[in-house]
N, C-alpha and C. Protein backbone atom coordinates (compact mmCIF):
# COMPACT_ATOMS: atom_id res chain seq x y z
N UNK A 1 -52.01 -24.57 66.99
CA UNK A 1 -50.28 -25.17 66.44
C UNK A 1 -50.61 -26.39 66.88
N UNK A 2 -49.72 -27.52 66.47
CA UNK A 2 -49.70 -28.48 67.17
C UNK A 2 -48.37 -29.46 67.45
N UNK A 3 -48.43 -30.55 67.30
CA UNK A 3 -47.11 -31.51 67.64
C UNK A 3 -46.34 -31.74 65.45
N UNK A 4 -45.29 -31.22 65.57
CA UNK A 4 -45.55 -31.01 64.24
C UNK A 4 -45.34 -32.31 63.10
N UNK A 5 -44.73 -33.19 63.39
CA UNK A 5 -45.02 -34.49 63.02
C UNK A 5 -46.69 -35.39 62.50
N UNK A 6 -47.19 -35.04 63.20
CA UNK A 6 -49.08 -35.24 62.93
C UNK A 6 -49.47 -33.78 62.21
N UNK A 7 -49.10 -32.57 61.97
CA UNK A 7 -50.03 -31.75 60.77
C UNK A 7 -49.88 -31.62 60.22
N UNK A 8 -51.05 -31.38 59.50
CA UNK A 8 -51.24 -31.16 58.19
C UNK A 8 -50.35 -30.75 56.96
N UNK A 9 -50.27 -30.93 56.02
CA UNK A 9 -49.45 -30.10 55.09
C UNK A 9 -50.18 -28.46 54.65
N UNK A 10 -51.68 -28.81 55.10
CA UNK A 10 -52.56 -27.27 55.03
C UNK A 10 -51.85 -26.79 56.14
N UNK A 11 -51.61 -26.97 57.35
CA UNK A 11 -51.26 -26.63 58.30
C UNK A 11 -49.92 -25.87 58.25
N UNK A 12 -49.00 -26.40 57.68
CA UNK A 12 -47.46 -25.83 57.07
C UNK A 12 -47.54 -25.02 56.45
N UNK A 13 -48.37 -24.58 55.54
CA UNK A 13 -48.11 -23.41 55.02
C UNK A 13 -48.36 -22.17 55.09
N UNK A 14 -47.20 -21.67 54.38
CA UNK A 14 -47.58 -20.01 54.65
C UNK A 14 -48.72 -19.22 54.46
N UNK A 15 -49.71 -19.87 53.60
CA UNK A 15 -50.82 -19.18 52.78
C UNK A 15 -51.96 -19.33 54.26
N UNK A 16 -52.67 -18.49 53.21
CA UNK A 16 -53.67 -18.10 54.29
C UNK A 16 -55.51 -18.63 53.91
N UNK A 17 -55.24 -19.63 54.74
CA UNK A 17 -56.32 -21.10 53.51
C UNK A 17 -56.93 -21.16 55.08
N UNK A 18 -58.27 -21.30 54.97
CA UNK A 18 -59.14 -21.87 55.81
C UNK A 18 -59.02 -23.60 56.01
N UNK A 19 -58.73 -23.83 57.37
CA UNK A 19 -58.33 -24.99 58.10
C UNK A 19 -59.42 -25.65 58.33
N UNK A 20 -60.20 -26.60 57.35
CA UNK A 20 -61.66 -27.80 57.44
C UNK A 20 -61.50 -28.80 58.31
N UNK A 21 -61.70 -29.93 58.16
CA UNK A 21 -61.75 -30.92 58.85
C UNK A 21 -61.14 -32.43 58.03
N UNK A 22 -60.95 -31.88 56.72
CA UNK A 22 -59.48 -32.73 56.64
C UNK A 22 -58.21 -32.83 57.02
N UNK A 23 -57.99 -31.56 57.31
CA UNK A 23 -56.77 -31.06 58.47
C UNK A 23 -56.63 -32.10 59.55
N UNK A 24 -57.76 -32.18 60.09
CA UNK A 24 -57.99 -33.04 61.08
C UNK A 24 -57.96 -34.49 60.42
N UNK A 25 -58.83 -34.56 59.63
CA UNK A 25 -58.92 -36.54 59.34
C UNK A 25 -56.97 -37.12 58.21
N UNK A 26 -56.51 -35.52 58.01
CA UNK A 26 -54.82 -35.70 57.90
C UNK A 26 -53.80 -36.31 59.53
N UNK A 27 -54.38 -35.46 60.71
CA UNK A 27 -53.36 -35.68 61.34
C UNK A 27 -54.01 -37.09 62.18
N UNK A 28 -55.58 -37.57 62.15
CA UNK A 28 -56.14 -38.58 62.48
C UNK A 28 -55.49 -40.03 61.85
N UNK A 29 -55.05 -39.52 60.50
CA UNK A 29 -54.65 -40.95 59.87
C UNK A 29 -53.28 -40.86 59.86
N UNK A 30 -52.50 -39.47 60.81
CA UNK A 30 -50.82 -39.97 60.53
C UNK A 30 -50.91 -40.69 62.23
N UNK A 31 -51.67 -40.48 62.86
CA UNK A 31 -51.86 -41.12 64.62
C UNK A 31 -52.13 -42.55 63.92
N UNK A 32 -52.73 -42.75 63.06
CA UNK A 32 -53.40 -44.19 62.67
C UNK A 32 -52.36 -45.23 62.41
N UNK A 33 -51.69 -44.29 61.32
CA UNK A 33 -50.86 -44.87 60.84
C UNK A 33 -49.26 -45.49 61.69
N UNK A 34 -49.24 -44.63 63.30
CA UNK A 34 -48.56 -44.61 64.17
C UNK A 34 -48.67 -46.12 64.81
N UNK A 35 -50.54 -45.82 64.59
CA UNK A 35 -50.61 -47.37 65.73
C UNK A 35 -50.22 -48.57 65.27
N UNK A 36 -50.80 -48.12 63.56
CA UNK A 36 -50.63 -49.93 63.18
C UNK A 36 -48.94 -50.37 63.04
N UNK A 37 -48.26 -49.33 62.61
CA UNK A 37 -47.02 -49.37 61.87
C UNK A 37 -45.81 -49.20 63.74
N UNK A 38 -46.47 -48.23 64.25
CA UNK A 38 -44.94 -47.93 65.10
C UNK A 38 -43.85 -46.89 64.93
N UNK A 39 -44.37 -46.80 63.39
CA UNK A 39 -43.60 -45.96 62.76
C UNK A 39 -44.41 -44.38 62.88
N UNK A 40 -43.60 -43.37 62.51
CA UNK A 40 -44.43 -42.16 62.30
C UNK A 40 -44.36 -41.96 60.34
N UNK A 41 -45.76 -41.76 59.80
CA UNK A 41 -44.86 -41.25 58.40
C UNK A 41 -44.33 -40.55 57.89
N UNK A 42 -44.07 -39.72 58.49
CA UNK A 42 -42.88 -38.94 58.09
C UNK A 42 -42.19 -38.45 59.48
N UNK A 43 -40.59 -38.71 59.50
CA UNK A 43 -39.76 -38.46 60.03
C UNK A 43 -38.41 -38.43 59.82
N UNK A 44 -37.91 -37.29 60.64
CA UNK A 44 -36.37 -36.36 60.09
C UNK A 44 -36.01 -36.20 61.50
N UNK A 45 -34.31 -35.65 60.83
CA UNK A 45 -33.51 -34.87 61.69
C UNK A 45 -34.09 -33.71 62.35
N UNK A 46 -34.37 -33.08 61.64
CA UNK A 46 -34.88 -31.61 61.60
C UNK A 46 -36.10 -30.99 61.70
N UNK A 47 -36.63 -29.83 61.59
CA UNK A 47 -38.33 -29.57 61.79
C UNK A 47 -38.15 -29.27 60.50
N UNK A 48 -37.38 -28.51 59.73
CA UNK A 48 -37.47 -28.37 58.67
C UNK A 48 -37.79 -29.80 57.13
N UNK A 49 -36.76 -30.40 57.82
CA UNK A 49 -36.68 -31.49 56.89
C UNK A 49 -38.29 -32.56 57.18
N UNK A 50 -38.45 -32.45 58.12
CA UNK A 50 -40.24 -33.06 58.56
C UNK A 50 -41.15 -31.97 57.49
N UNK A 51 -41.31 -30.90 58.09
CA UNK A 51 -42.33 -30.10 56.62
C UNK A 51 -41.61 -30.01 55.69
N UNK A 52 -40.84 -30.02 55.23
CA UNK A 52 -40.67 -30.96 53.65
C UNK A 52 -40.85 -32.25 53.24
N UNK A 53 -40.76 -32.83 54.19
CA UNK A 53 -41.27 -34.37 53.92
C UNK A 53 -42.73 -35.26 53.68
N UNK A 54 -43.52 -33.94 54.88
CA UNK A 54 -44.88 -33.98 54.56
C UNK A 54 -44.93 -33.19 53.80
N UNK A 55 -44.81 -32.20 53.35
CA UNK A 55 -44.95 -31.38 52.13
C UNK A 55 -45.11 -32.01 50.36
N UNK A 56 -44.24 -32.93 50.75
CA UNK A 56 -43.61 -33.19 48.81
C UNK A 56 -43.15 -34.49 49.41
N UNK A 57 -43.01 -35.16 49.88
CA UNK A 57 -43.49 -36.88 50.19
C UNK A 57 -44.41 -37.50 50.22
N UNK A 58 -44.52 -39.08 49.73
CA UNK A 58 -45.51 -39.76 50.20
C UNK A 58 -44.83 -40.16 51.45
N UNK A 59 -46.10 -41.07 52.41
CA UNK A 59 -45.30 -42.25 53.90
C UNK A 59 -44.84 -43.56 52.78
N UNK A 60 -43.94 -44.10 53.28
CA UNK A 60 -43.73 -45.54 52.89
C UNK A 60 -45.02 -46.45 52.81
N UNK A 61 -44.69 -46.83 52.61
CA UNK A 61 -45.98 -48.26 52.57
C UNK A 61 -46.21 -48.83 53.79
N UNK A 62 -47.46 -48.52 54.87
CA UNK A 62 -47.37 -48.93 56.15
C UNK A 62 -47.40 -50.30 56.46
N UNK A 63 -47.45 -50.91 55.16
CA UNK A 63 -47.09 -53.53 55.04
C UNK A 63 -45.83 -53.37 54.47
N UNK A 64 -44.85 -51.96 54.63
CA UNK A 64 -43.67 -52.58 54.58
C UNK A 64 -42.84 -52.48 56.55
N UNK A 65 -43.90 -51.98 57.25
CA UNK A 65 -43.85 -52.39 59.03
C UNK A 65 -44.43 -53.06 59.12
N UNK A 66 -45.30 -53.13 58.67
CA UNK A 66 -46.46 -54.06 59.28
C UNK A 66 -47.61 -55.05 58.31
N UNK A 67 -46.89 -56.00 57.71
CA UNK A 67 -47.43 -57.00 56.60
C UNK A 67 -48.73 -57.13 56.82
N UNK A 68 -49.00 -57.59 58.05
CA UNK A 68 -50.69 -57.96 58.22
C UNK A 68 -51.76 -57.04 57.97
N UNK A 69 -51.38 -55.68 57.58
CA UNK A 69 -52.33 -54.79 57.97
C UNK A 69 -52.63 -54.86 56.31
N UNK A 70 -54.34 -55.10 55.98
CA UNK A 70 -55.27 -55.70 55.49
C UNK A 70 -54.92 -54.57 54.27
N UNK A 71 -55.37 -54.73 52.66
CA UNK A 71 -55.07 -53.93 51.84
C UNK A 71 -56.04 -52.56 51.60
N UNK A 72 -57.16 -53.22 52.23
CA UNK A 72 -58.31 -51.88 52.51
C UNK A 72 -58.18 -50.93 53.68
N UNK A 73 -57.51 -51.53 54.54
CA UNK A 73 -56.82 -50.15 55.20
C UNK A 73 -55.32 -49.50 54.95
N UNK A 74 -55.09 -50.03 54.08
CA UNK A 74 -54.06 -49.61 53.13
C UNK A 74 -54.76 -48.19 52.65
N UNK A 75 -55.40 -48.75 52.21
CA UNK A 75 -56.33 -47.50 51.17
C UNK A 75 -56.40 -46.89 52.35
N UNK A 76 -57.25 -47.03 53.15
CA UNK A 76 -57.62 -45.73 54.05
C UNK A 76 -56.87 -44.82 54.91
N UNK A 77 -55.36 -45.72 54.88
CA UNK A 77 -54.67 -44.78 55.50
C UNK A 77 -54.17 -43.66 53.99
N UNK A 78 -53.62 -44.38 53.13
CA UNK A 78 -53.41 -43.43 51.98
C UNK A 78 -54.15 -42.49 51.89
N UNK A 79 -55.45 -42.58 51.96
CA UNK A 79 -57.25 -41.14 51.86
C UNK A 79 -56.88 -40.85 52.65
N UNK A 80 -56.97 -40.71 54.01
CA UNK A 80 -56.23 -40.36 54.77
C UNK A 80 -55.16 -38.99 55.06
N UNK A 81 -53.99 -39.74 54.13
CA UNK A 81 -52.76 -38.67 54.26
C UNK A 81 -52.88 -38.10 53.02
N UNK A 82 -53.66 -38.13 52.52
CA UNK A 82 -53.77 -37.58 50.85
C UNK A 82 -53.63 -36.36 51.02
N UNK A 83 -52.86 -35.36 50.13
CA UNK A 83 -52.29 -34.31 49.90
C UNK A 83 -53.08 -33.57 49.17
N UNK A 84 -54.31 -33.68 48.62
CA UNK A 84 -54.85 -33.26 47.83
C UNK A 84 -55.55 -31.80 47.89
N UNK A 85 -55.80 -31.38 49.18
CA UNK A 85 -55.81 -30.48 49.35
C UNK A 85 -55.31 -29.12 49.40
N UNK A 86 -53.69 -29.42 49.80
CA UNK A 86 -52.98 -28.98 49.67
C UNK A 86 -52.52 -28.59 48.32
N UNK A 87 -52.78 -29.43 47.36
CA UNK A 87 -52.93 -29.52 45.68
C UNK A 87 -53.28 -28.49 45.22
N UNK A 88 -55.01 -28.12 46.07
CA UNK A 88 -55.93 -27.43 45.61
C UNK A 88 -55.39 -25.86 45.73
N UNK A 89 -54.67 -25.78 47.07
CA UNK A 89 -54.12 -24.34 47.44
C UNK A 89 -53.26 -23.69 46.23
N UNK A 90 -52.30 -24.80 45.80
CA UNK A 90 -51.17 -24.00 45.45
C UNK A 90 -51.86 -24.03 44.54
N UNK A 91 -52.68 -24.97 43.74
CA UNK A 91 -53.27 -23.96 41.62
C UNK A 91 -54.33 -23.23 42.45
N UNK A 92 -54.91 -22.97 43.42
CA UNK A 92 -55.47 -21.45 43.47
C UNK A 92 -54.52 -20.41 43.36
N UNK A 93 -53.14 -20.60 44.36
CA UNK A 93 -52.49 -19.27 44.05
C UNK A 93 -51.92 -19.33 43.02
N UNK A 94 -51.07 -19.99 41.44
CA UNK A 94 -50.93 -19.48 40.39
C UNK A 94 -52.30 -19.54 39.46
N UNK A 95 -53.42 -19.75 40.23
CA UNK A 95 -54.55 -19.30 39.07
C UNK A 95 -55.56 -18.64 39.48
N UNK A 96 -55.45 -18.27 40.80
CA UNK A 96 -56.58 -17.11 41.05
C UNK A 96 -57.90 -18.06 41.77
N UNK A 97 -58.48 -17.50 42.67
CA UNK A 97 -59.52 -17.90 42.66
C UNK A 97 -60.12 -18.75 41.95
N UNK A 98 -60.82 -19.97 42.78
CA UNK A 98 -61.70 -20.69 41.34
C UNK A 98 -63.13 -20.52 41.60
N UNK A 99 -63.82 -20.23 40.30
CA UNK A 99 -64.93 -19.62 39.95
C UNK A 99 -65.68 -20.67 39.60
N UNK A 100 -67.22 -21.12 39.63
CA UNK A 100 -68.43 -21.65 39.16
C UNK A 100 -68.70 -20.64 38.02
N UNK A 101 -68.73 -20.98 36.78
CA UNK A 101 -69.30 -20.85 35.68
C UNK A 101 -70.95 -20.89 35.59
């Protein structure tokens, strides 16, 4: 487990999935976001609200808190905090295992 504010969406799901380096990249992105903005990318009054925010929302534009963040660094943060792995898990759970032809 870990500190909830830095847990990747994959860690918050109840599905049995293999966590890989993308989960670590997401957590690093959350840490970098906070270092650059002095705000966590997701914050909420309760743990449940925090989990829902991580799973369903995008973080605020980091330049809202720190206009000095270069555009390229904003792209790095957005890429690190991308929810694509969790989207793939959701699709797999609906469609079944992905097979290659």
